[in-house]
Amino acid sequence: MTTEELMRMDADDLYEKSMDMEADSEERAKAVATANSIVDRLNESKKLKGERIDRWIKLGVTGLTFVASAAISIWANLDSKRFEGEATHTTEAGRSSQRTLLSFFDKQKF
């Protein structure tokens, strides 16, 4: 059994035991408060798991976007160089890609 299942069973047991106690007793109030805190912790852990999954999805999409844009830039640059090597005229998009790539490397301090 997982800890979440054990916590849920403990909360259920406390709720059942509190039904047999007197309505205005201090023991019943403590049992219900303890069960409520267990349920609150369970809800919080589910919320944190959901946030963790969302964070990984966002990170994956960001990484995939970066890799895709880098691959397209490299492909455009290589294709433009191939056109230049064949002594044909390249497109303005190819020249722009090379200028962008070269200006990126000029800005970096390696």
N, C-alpha and C. Protein backbone atom coordinates (compact mmCIF):
# COMPACT_ATOMS: atom_id res chain seq x y z
N MET A 1 0.83 -1.19 0.00
CA MET A 1 0.00 0.00 0.00
C MET A 1 0.87 1.25 0.00
N THR A 2 0.40 2.25 -0.67
CA THR A 2 1.13 3.50 -0.69
C THR A 2 0.81 4.31 0.56
N THR A 3 1.61 5.32 0.79
CA THR A 3 1.37 6.16 1.96
C THR A 3 0.06 6.94 1.83
N GLU A 4 -0.31 7.28 0.60
CA GLU A 4 -1.57 7.99 0.41
C GLU A 4 -2.75 7.11 0.78
N GLU A 5 -2.69 5.84 0.41
CA GLU A 5 -3.77 4.92 0.77
C GLU A 5 -3.84 4.73 2.29
N LEU A 6 -2.68 4.62 2.93
CA LEU A 6 -2.65 4.49 4.38
C LEU A 6 -3.21 5.72 5.08
N MET A 7 -2.85 6.90 4.55
CA MET A 7 -3.37 8.13 5.14
C MET A 7 -4.88 8.22 4.97
N ARG A 8 -5.37 7.82 3.80
CA ARG A 8 -6.82 7.86 3.57
C ARG A 8 -7.54 6.87 4.51
N MET A 9 -6.94 5.70 4.71
CA MET A 9 -7.55 4.72 5.62
C MET A 9 -7.56 5.25 7.06
N ASP A 10 -6.48 5.91 7.47
CA ASP A 10 -6.43 6.50 8.81
C ASP A 10 -7.52 7.56 8.99
N ALA A 11 -7.68 8.40 7.97
CA ALA A 11 -8.71 9.44 8.05
C ALA A 11 -10.09 8.81 8.13
N ASP A 12 -10.34 7.78 7.31
CA ASP A 12 -11.64 7.10 7.35
C ASP A 12 -11.89 6.47 8.72
N ASP A 13 -10.86 5.85 9.29
CA ASP A 13 -10.99 5.24 10.62
C ASP A 13 -11.33 6.30 11.68
N LEU A 14 -10.64 7.43 11.59
CA LEU A 14 -10.92 8.50 12.56
C LEU A 14 -12.34 9.02 12.43
N TYR A 15 -12.82 9.18 11.17
CA TYR A 15 -14.19 9.64 10.97
C TYR A 15 -15.19 8.62 11.53
N GLU A 16 -14.93 7.32 11.30
CA GLU A 16 -15.84 6.29 11.81
C GLU A 16 -15.85 6.25 13.34
N LYS A 17 -14.65 6.37 13.95
CA LYS A 17 -14.58 6.36 15.41
C LYS A 17 -15.28 7.58 16.01
N SER A 18 -15.20 8.71 15.30
CA SER A 18 -15.82 9.92 15.82
C SER A 18 -17.35 9.83 15.81
N MET A 19 -17.90 8.98 14.95
CA MET A 19 -19.36 8.82 14.92
C MET A 19 -19.87 8.13 16.20
N ASP A 20 -19.02 7.32 16.81
CA ASP A 20 -19.43 6.62 18.03
C ASP A 20 -19.25 7.46 19.28
N MET A 21 -18.55 8.57 19.18
CA MET A 21 -18.28 9.40 20.34
C MET A 21 -19.44 10.37 20.58
N GLU A 22 -19.45 10.98 21.74
CA GLU A 22 -20.47 11.97 22.07
C GLU A 22 -20.31 13.19 21.17
N ALA A 23 -21.41 13.82 20.88
CA ALA A 23 -21.42 14.92 19.92
C ALA A 23 -20.57 16.11 20.35
N ASP A 24 -20.61 16.48 21.63
CA ASP A 24 -19.89 17.67 22.08
C ASP A 24 -18.59 17.35 22.79
N SER A 25 -18.10 16.14 22.66
CA SER A 25 -16.90 15.77 23.41
C SER A 25 -15.64 16.33 22.77
N GLU A 26 -14.64 16.51 23.60
CA GLU A 26 -13.35 17.03 23.15
C GLU A 26 -12.62 15.98 22.30
N GLU A 27 -12.81 14.71 22.64
CA GLU A 27 -12.17 13.63 21.87
C GLU A 27 -12.66 13.62 20.44
N ARG A 28 -13.96 13.83 20.25
CA ARG A 28 -14.52 13.84 18.90
C ARG A 28 -13.97 15.01 18.11
N ALA A 29 -13.87 16.15 18.73
CA ALA A 29 -13.34 17.34 18.05
C ALA A 29 -11.90 17.10 17.62
N LYS A 30 -11.10 16.47 18.49
CA LYS A 30 -9.70 16.18 18.14
C LYS A 30 -9.62 15.16 17.01
N ALA A 31 -10.47 14.14 17.06
CA ALA A 31 -10.45 13.11 16.02
C ALA A 31 -10.82 13.70 14.66
N VAL A 32 -11.84 14.52 14.64
CA VAL A 32 -12.28 15.14 13.38
C VAL A 32 -11.21 16.12 12.87
N ALA A 33 -10.61 16.88 13.78
CA ALA A 33 -9.56 17.82 13.37
C ALA A 33 -8.35 17.07 12.79
N THR A 34 -7.98 15.96 13.41
CA THR A 34 -6.86 15.17 12.91
C THR A 34 -7.19 14.59 11.54
N ALA A 35 -8.39 14.05 11.39
CA ALA A 35 -8.81 13.50 10.09
C ALA A 35 -8.83 14.58 9.02
N ASN A 36 -9.31 15.76 9.38
CA ASN A 36 -9.33 16.87 8.42
C ASN A 36 -7.92 17.27 8.00
N SER A 37 -6.98 17.28 8.94
CA SER A 37 -5.61 17.66 8.59
C SER A 37 -4.98 16.60 7.69
N ILE A 38 -5.30 15.32 7.91
CA ILE A 38 -4.79 14.26 7.03
C ILE A 38 -5.33 14.45 5.62
N VAL A 39 -6.60 14.72 5.50
CA VAL A 39 -7.22 14.93 4.17
C VAL A 39 -6.63 16.17 3.51
N ASP A 40 -6.38 17.22 4.28
CA ASP A 40 -5.76 18.43 3.72
C ASP A 40 -4.37 18.13 3.17
N ARG A 41 -3.59 17.33 3.90
CA ARG A 41 -2.26 16.95 3.42
C ARG A 41 -2.34 16.12 2.14
N LEU A 42 -3.31 15.24 2.07
CA LEU A 42 -3.50 14.44 0.85
C LEU A 42 -3.84 15.33 -0.34
N ASN A 43 -4.72 16.27 -0.14
CA ASN A 43 -5.10 17.20 -1.22
C ASN A 43 -3.91 18.04 -1.66
N GLU A 44 -3.10 18.48 -0.71
CA GLU A 44 -1.93 19.30 -1.03
C GLU A 44 -0.91 18.49 -1.83
N SER A 45 -0.73 17.21 -1.47
CA SER A 45 0.23 16.39 -2.20
C SER A 45 -0.24 16.15 -3.63
N LYS A 46 -1.54 15.97 -3.83
CA LYS A 46 -2.06 15.81 -5.19
C LYS A 46 -1.85 17.08 -6.00
N LYS A 47 -2.05 18.23 -5.36
CA LYS A 47 -1.86 19.51 -6.04
C LYS A 47 -0.39 19.68 -6.45
N LEU A 48 0.52 19.33 -5.55
CA LEU A 48 1.95 19.46 -5.86
C LEU A 48 2.36 18.52 -6.99
N LYS A 49 1.80 17.32 -7.03
CA LYS A 49 2.11 16.39 -8.12
C LYS A 49 1.63 16.94 -9.45
N GLY A 50 0.45 17.55 -9.45
CA GLY A 50 -0.08 18.15 -10.67
C GLY A 50 0.78 19.30 -11.15
N GLU A 51 1.26 20.13 -10.22
CA GLU A 51 2.13 21.25 -10.59
C GLU A 51 3.46 20.74 -11.13
N ARG A 52 3.98 19.67 -10.57
CA ARG A 52 5.24 19.10 -11.04
C ARG A 52 5.09 18.60 -12.47
N ILE A 53 3.99 17.93 -12.75
CA ILE A 53 3.76 17.43 -14.11
C ILE A 53 3.63 18.60 -15.08
N ASP A 54 2.90 19.64 -14.70
CA ASP A 54 2.77 20.82 -15.55
C ASP A 54 4.12 21.46 -15.84
N ARG A 55 4.97 21.52 -14.82
CA ARG A 55 6.29 22.12 -15.01
C ARG A 55 7.12 21.31 -16.00
N TRP A 56 7.08 19.98 -15.92
CA TRP A 56 7.82 19.14 -16.85
C TRP A 56 7.29 19.28 -18.27
N ILE A 57 5.98 19.40 -18.42
CA ILE A 57 5.40 19.59 -19.75
C ILE A 57 5.86 20.91 -20.35
N LYS A 58 5.82 21.99 -19.56
CA LYS A 58 6.28 23.29 -20.05
C LYS A 58 7.75 23.25 -20.42
N LEU A 59 8.56 22.59 -19.59
CA LEU A 59 9.98 22.47 -19.88
C LEU A 59 10.21 21.68 -21.17
N GLY A 60 9.47 20.63 -21.37
CA GLY A 60 9.60 19.83 -22.59
C GLY A 60 9.22 20.61 -23.83
N VAL A 61 8.13 21.37 -23.75
CA VAL A 61 7.71 22.17 -24.90
C VAL A 61 8.74 23.25 -25.21
N THR A 62 9.28 23.88 -24.18
CA THR A 62 10.31 24.90 -24.39
C THR A 62 11.56 24.30 -25.02
N GLY A 63 11.99 23.15 -24.53
CA GLY A 63 13.16 22.48 -25.08
C GLY A 63 12.94 22.05 -26.53
N LEU A 64 11.77 21.52 -26.80
CA LEU A 64 11.45 21.09 -28.16
C LEU A 64 11.41 22.29 -29.12
N THR A 65 10.88 23.40 -28.67
CA THR A 65 10.85 24.61 -29.49
C THR A 65 12.26 25.09 -29.79
N PHE A 66 13.13 25.08 -28.79
CA PHE A 66 14.52 25.50 -28.99
C PHE A 66 15.23 24.59 -29.98
N VAL A 67 15.08 23.28 -29.80
CA VAL A 67 15.75 22.33 -30.69
C VAL A 67 15.22 22.47 -32.11
N ALA A 68 13.91 22.63 -32.27
CA ALA A 68 13.33 22.77 -33.60
C ALA A 68 13.82 24.04 -34.28
N SER A 69 13.87 25.15 -33.56
CA SER A 69 14.33 26.40 -34.18
C SER A 69 15.81 26.33 -34.53
N ALA A 70 16.61 25.67 -33.67
CA ALA A 70 18.03 25.51 -33.99
C ALA A 70 18.21 24.62 -35.21
N ALA A 71 17.44 23.55 -35.31
CA ALA A 71 17.55 22.65 -36.46
C ALA A 71 17.16 23.35 -37.76
N ILE A 72 16.11 24.15 -37.70
CA ILE A 72 15.69 24.89 -38.90
C ILE A 72 16.74 25.92 -39.30
N SER A 73 17.33 26.59 -38.33
CA SER A 73 18.38 27.57 -38.63
C SER A 73 19.59 26.90 -39.24
N ILE A 74 20.00 25.78 -38.70
CA ILE A 74 21.16 25.06 -39.24
C ILE A 74 20.85 24.57 -40.65
N TRP A 75 19.66 24.02 -40.84
CA TRP A 75 19.28 23.55 -42.17
C TRP A 75 19.28 24.69 -43.18
N ALA A 76 18.73 25.84 -42.80
CA ALA A 76 18.70 27.00 -43.72
C ALA A 76 20.10 27.47 -44.04
N ASN A 77 20.98 27.47 -43.04
CA ASN A 77 22.35 27.91 -43.28
C ASN A 77 23.08 26.94 -44.21
N LEU A 78 22.96 25.65 -43.96
CA LEU A 78 23.62 24.66 -44.82
C LEU A 78 23.07 24.68 -46.24
N ASP A 79 21.77 24.85 -46.35
CA ASP A 79 21.16 24.91 -47.68
C ASP A 79 21.62 26.15 -48.43
N SER A 80 21.76 27.26 -47.72
CA SER A 80 22.25 28.48 -48.35
C SER A 80 23.69 28.32 -48.80
N LYS A 81 24.52 27.67 -47.97
CA LYS A 81 25.91 27.43 -48.37
C LYS A 81 25.98 26.51 -49.59
N ARG A 82 25.10 25.54 -49.67
CA ARG A 82 25.08 24.64 -50.82
C ARG A 82 24.75 25.42 -52.09
N PHE A 83 23.78 26.34 -52.00
CA PHE A 83 23.46 27.17 -53.17
C PHE A 83 24.64 28.02 -53.58
N GLU A 84 25.33 28.60 -52.62
CA GLU A 84 26.49 29.44 -52.93
C GLU A 84 27.61 28.60 -53.55
N GLY A 85 27.79 27.36 -53.08
CA GLY A 85 28.83 26.48 -53.60
C GLY A 85 28.57 26.06 -55.03
N GLU A 86 27.32 26.01 -55.43
CA GLU A 86 26.97 25.63 -56.80
C GLU A 86 27.01 26.83 -57.74
N ALA A 87 27.43 27.94 -57.26
CA ALA A 87 27.53 29.18 -58.04
C ALA A 87 26.17 29.64 -58.54
N THR A 88 25.15 29.34 -57.80
CA THR A 88 23.82 29.85 -58.11
C THR A 88 23.50 30.94 -57.11
N HIS A 89 22.49 31.67 -57.40
CA HIS A 89 22.12 32.76 -56.51
C HIS A 89 21.29 32.20 -55.37
N THR A 90 21.58 32.67 -54.19
CA THR A 90 20.81 32.25 -53.02
C THR A 90 19.65 33.20 -52.81
N THR A 91 18.76 32.81 -51.99
CA THR A 91 17.59 33.64 -51.71
C THR A 91 17.92 34.64 -50.62
N GLU A 92 17.07 35.62 -50.49
CA GLU A 92 17.26 36.61 -49.44
C GLU A 92 17.10 35.97 -48.07
N ALA A 93 16.25 34.96 -47.98
CA ALA A 93 16.08 34.27 -46.71
C ALA A 93 17.37 33.55 -46.31
N GLY A 94 18.07 32.98 -47.27
CA GLY A 94 19.34 32.31 -46.99
C GLY A 94 20.40 33.30 -46.54
N ARG A 95 20.46 34.44 -47.22
CA ARG A 95 21.42 35.47 -46.81
C ARG A 95 21.09 35.99 -45.41
N SER A 96 19.82 36.19 -45.16
CA SER A 96 19.39 36.67 -43.85
C SER A 96 19.74 35.65 -42.77
N SER A 97 19.57 34.39 -43.08
CA SER A 97 19.90 33.34 -42.11
C SER A 97 21.38 33.36 -41.79
N GLN A 98 22.21 33.50 -42.81
CA GLN A 98 23.66 33.55 -42.58
C GLN A 98 24.05 34.79 -41.79
N ARG A 99 23.46 35.94 -42.12
CA ARG A 99 23.78 37.15 -41.38
C ARG A 99 23.38 37.01 -39.91
N THR A 100 22.21 36.44 -39.66
CA THR A 100 21.75 36.25 -38.29
C THR A 100 22.68 35.32 -37.53
N LEU A 101 23.07 34.23 -38.17
CA LEU A 101 23.95 33.27 -37.53
C LEU A 101 25.33 33.87 -37.26
N LEU A 102 25.85 34.60 -38.22
CA LEU A 102 27.17 35.20 -38.03
C LEU A 102 27.13 36.31 -36.98
N SER A 103 26.04 37.08 -36.95
CA SER A 103 25.95 38.14 -35.94
C SER A 103 25.80 37.54 -34.55
N PHE A 104 25.17 36.38 -34.45
CA PHE A 104 25.05 35.69 -33.16
C PHE A 104 26.44 35.30 -32.65
N PHE A 105 27.26 34.76 -33.54
CA PHE A 105 28.60 34.35 -33.13
C PHE A 105 29.49 35.55 -32.83
N ASP A 106 29.25 36.68 -33.48
CA ASP A 106 30.03 37.89 -33.19
C ASP A 106 29.71 38.42 -31.80
N LYS A 107 28.47 38.27 -31.36
CA LYS A 107 28.06 38.77 -30.06
C LYS A 107 28.57 37.90 -28.92
N GLN A 108 28.79 36.62 -29.18
CA GLN A 108 29.25 35.69 -28.14
C GLN A 108 30.73 35.88 -27.86
N LYS A 109 31.11 35.65 -26.63
CA LYS A 109 32.52 35.74 -26.25
C LYS A 109 32.95 34.33 -25.87
N PHE A 110 33.58 33.67 -26.80
CA PHE A 110 34.01 32.29 -26.57
C PHE A 110 35.38 32.24 -25.96
